[in-house]
C-alpha atoms as a PDB file:
ATOM      1  CA  UNK A   1     171.698 177.523 -13.314  1.00  0.00           C
ATOM      2  CA  UNK A   2     172.559 178.480 -16.869  1.00  0.00           C
ATOM      3  CA  UNK A   3     170.160 176.846 -19.332  1.00  0.00           C
ATOM      4  CA  UNK A   4     172.765 175.046 -21.475  1.00  0.00           C
ATOM      5  CA  UNK A   5     174.310 173.468 -18.325  1.00  0.00           C
ATOM      6  CA  UNK A   6     171.036 171.965 -17.072  1.00  0.00           C
ATOM      7  CA  UNK A   7     171.379 168.236 -16.522  1.00  0.00           C
ATOM      8  CA  UNK A   8     175.165 168.156 -16.886  1.00  0.00           C
ATOM      9  CA  UNK A   9     177.403 166.635 -14.261  1.00  0.00           C
ATOM     10  CA  UNK A  10     179.869 168.938 -12.565  1.00  0.00           C
ATOM     11  CA  UNK A  11     183.642 168.591 -12.899  1.00  0.00           C
ATOM     12  CA  UNK A  12     185.713 170.463 -10.295  1.00  0.00           C
ATOM     13  CA  UNK A  13     189.314 171.183 -11.284  1.00  0.00           C
ATOM     14  CA  UNK A  14     192.111 172.655  -9.190  1.00  0.00           C
ATOM     15  CA  UNK A  15     193.631 175.559 -11.073  1.00  0.00           C
ATOM     16  CA  UNK A  16     196.900 176.053  -9.173  1.00  0.00           C
ATOM     17  CA  UNK A  17     199.777 173.746 -10.119  1.00  0.00           C
ATOM     18  CA  UNK A  18     197.342 171.438 -11.904  1.00  0.00           C
ATOM     19  CA  UNK A  19     196.039 173.415 -14.879  1.00  0.00           C
ATOM     20  CA  UNK A  20     198.491 176.302 -14.635  1.00  0.00           C
ATOM     21  CA  UNK A  21     201.767 177.172 -12.951  1.00  0.00           C
ATOM     22  CA  UNK A  22     201.978 180.691 -11.520  1.00  0.00           C
ATOM     23  CA  UNK A  23     204.960 182.520 -10.108  1.00  0.00           C
ATOM     24  CA  UNK A  24     206.107 185.990  -9.091  1.00  0.00           C
ATOM     25  CA  UNK A  25     209.598 185.221 -10.440  1.00  0.00           C
ATOM     26  CA  UNK A  26     210.870 186.414 -13.824  1.00  0.00           C
ATOM     27  CA  UNK A  27     211.264 183.051 -15.544  1.00  0.00           C
ATOM     28  CA  UNK A  28     210.695 182.120 -19.182  1.00  0.00           C
ATOM     29  CA  UNK A  29     207.994 183.398 -21.486  1.00  0.00           C
ATOM     30  CA  UNK A  30     204.753 183.304 -19.530  1.00  0.00           C
ATOM     31  CA  UNK A  31     201.443 182.733 -21.312  1.00  0.00           C
ATOM     32  CA  UNK A  32     199.845 185.453 -19.169  1.00  0.00           C
ATOM     33  CA  UNK A  33     201.173 188.318 -17.062  1.00  0.00           C
ATOM     34  CA  UNK A  34     198.633 189.416 -14.475  1.00  0.00           C
ATOM     35  CA  UNK A  35     199.116 192.549 -12.366  1.00  0.00           C
ATOM     36  CA  UNK A  36     197.621 192.036  -8.898  1.00  0.00           C
ATOM     37  CA  UNK A  37     197.340 194.580  -6.097  1.00  0.00           C
ATOM     38  CA  UNK A  38     198.268 193.196  -2.688  1.00  0.00           C
ATOM     39  CA  UNK A  39     198.360 195.533   0.293  1.00  0.00           C
ATOM     40  CA  UNK A  40     198.638 198.654  -1.902  1.00  0.00           C
ATOM     41  CA  UNK A  41     201.518 197.250  -3.976  1.00  0.00           C
ATOM     42  CA  UNK A  42     201.268 195.870  -7.515  1.00  0.00           C
ATOM     43  CA  UNK A  43     202.886 192.534  -8.299  1.00  0.00           C
ATOM     44  CA  UNK A  44     203.061 190.739 -11.633  1.00  0.00           C
ATOM     45  CA  UNK A  45     202.050 187.114 -11.601  1.00  0.00           C
ATOM     46  CA  UNK A  46     203.408 185.081 -14.486  1.00  0.00           C
ATOM     47  CA  UNK A  47     201.122 182.256 -15.536  1.00  0.00           C
ATOM     48  CA  UNK A  48     202.184 179.229 -17.566  1.00  0.00           C
ATOM     49  CA  UNK A  49     199.406 177.108 -19.058  1.00  0.00           C
ATOM     50  CA  UNK A  50     199.917 173.343 -18.952  1.00  0.00           C
ATOM     51  CA  UNK A  51     200.420 171.690 -22.360  1.00  0.00           C
ATOM     52  CA  UNK A  52     197.078 170.673 -23.885  1.00  0.00           C
ATOM     53  CA  UNK A  53     195.056 172.801 -21.447  1.00  0.00           C
ATOM     54  CA  UNK A  54     192.975 174.622 -24.064  1.00  0.00           C
ATOM     55  CA  UNK A  55     192.061 171.425 -25.872  1.00  0.00           C
ATOM     56  CA  UNK A  56     191.265 169.700 -22.571  1.00  0.00           C
ATOM     57  CA  UNK A  57     188.950 172.524 -21.459  1.00  0.00           C
ATOM     58  CA  UNK A  58     187.199 172.563 -24.835  1.00  0.00           C
ATOM     59  CA  UNK A  59     186.445 168.847 -24.563  1.00  0.00           C
ATOM     60  CA  UNK A  60     185.358 168.715 -20.925  1.00  0.00           C
ATOM     61  CA  UNK A  61     183.304 171.934 -21.104  1.00  0.00           C
ATOM     62  CA  UNK A  62     181.227 170.326 -23.882  1.00  0.00           C
ATOM     63  CA  UNK A  63     180.330 167.492 -21.500  1.00  0.00           C
ATOM     64  CA  UNK A  64     180.445 168.928 -17.965  1.00  0.00           C
ATOM     65  CA  UNK A  65     179.733 172.045 -16.008  1.00  0.00           C
ATOM     66  CA  UNK A  66     183.359 172.966 -15.215  1.00  0.00           C
ATOM     67  CA  UNK A  67     184.248 174.587 -11.903  1.00  0.00           C
ATOM     68  CA  UNK A  68     187.770 175.892 -11.341  1.00  0.00           C
ATOM     69  CA  UNK A  69     188.946 175.922  -7.746  1.00  0.00           C
ATOM     70  CA  UNK A  70     191.800 178.119  -6.612  1.00  0.00           C
ATOM     71  CA  UNK A  71     193.413 178.931  -3.301  1.00  0.00           C
ATOM     72  CA  UNK A  72     194.777 182.091  -4.949  1.00  0.00           C
ATOM     73  CA  UNK A  73     193.285 185.533  -4.707  1.00  0.00           C
ATOM     74  CA  UNK A  74     189.791 185.701  -6.293  1.00  0.00           C
ATOM     75  CA  UNK A  75     190.903 188.337  -8.814  1.00  0.00           C
ATOM     76  CA  UNK A  76     193.589 185.970 -10.087  1.00  0.00           C
ATOM     77  CA  UNK A  77     190.932 183.399 -10.980  1.00  0.00           C
ATOM     78  CA  UNK A  78     188.805 186.062 -12.636  1.00  0.00           C
ATOM     79  CA  UNK A  79     191.721 187.286 -14.722  1.00  0.00           C
ATOM     80  CA  UNK A  80     192.829 183.785 -15.655  1.00  0.00           C
ATOM     81  CA  UNK A  81     189.395 182.739 -16.889  1.00  0.00           C
ATOM     82  CA  UNK A  82     188.289 185.935 -18.615  1.00  0.00           C
ATOM     83  CA  UNK A  83     191.002 185.592 -21.248  1.00  0.00           C
ATOM     84  CA  UNK A  84     189.664 182.284 -22.506  1.00  0.00           C
ATOM     85  CA  UNK A  85     186.853 181.644 -24.964  1.00  0.00           C
ATOM     86  CA  UNK A  86     184.994 179.416 -22.505  1.00  0.00           C
ATOM     87  CA  UNK A  87     182.036 180.403 -20.389  1.00  0.00           C
ATOM     88  CA  UNK A  88     182.813 180.359 -16.689  1.00  0.00           C
ATOM     89  CA  UNK A  89     180.714 181.377 -13.751  1.00  0.00           C
ATOM     90  CA  UNK A  90     183.058 182.528 -11.017  1.00  0.00           C
ATOM     91  CA  UNK A  91     182.049 182.356  -7.365  1.00  0.00           C
ATOM     92  CA  UNK A  92     184.388 183.742  -4.775  1.00  0.00           C
ATOM     93  CA  UNK A  93     182.509 182.314  -1.815  1.00  0.00           C
ATOM     94  CA  UNK A  94     182.249 178.687  -0.805  1.00  0.00           C
ATOM     95  CA  UNK A  95     179.048 178.826   1.212  1.00  0.00           C
END
């Protein structure tokens, strides 16, 4: 465990359709555009952050160890979290 997280409770948040909305469709001005390779083809995923998300994560990450759960591809979670200023440990296994 990371030293600054020792003793903190854990908060598990669902990323998809809770914290962000993602789509393959060309709609609106997305906050993030993430190219993802699926079966040797590249697709662009457009990600819309929920209003207040950054402020929410700042507040809860000061109190809890925050775990983001996603049913998406693991690289989507990695790309979504690496662009933030928060520290995240990403696990792609659930064992």
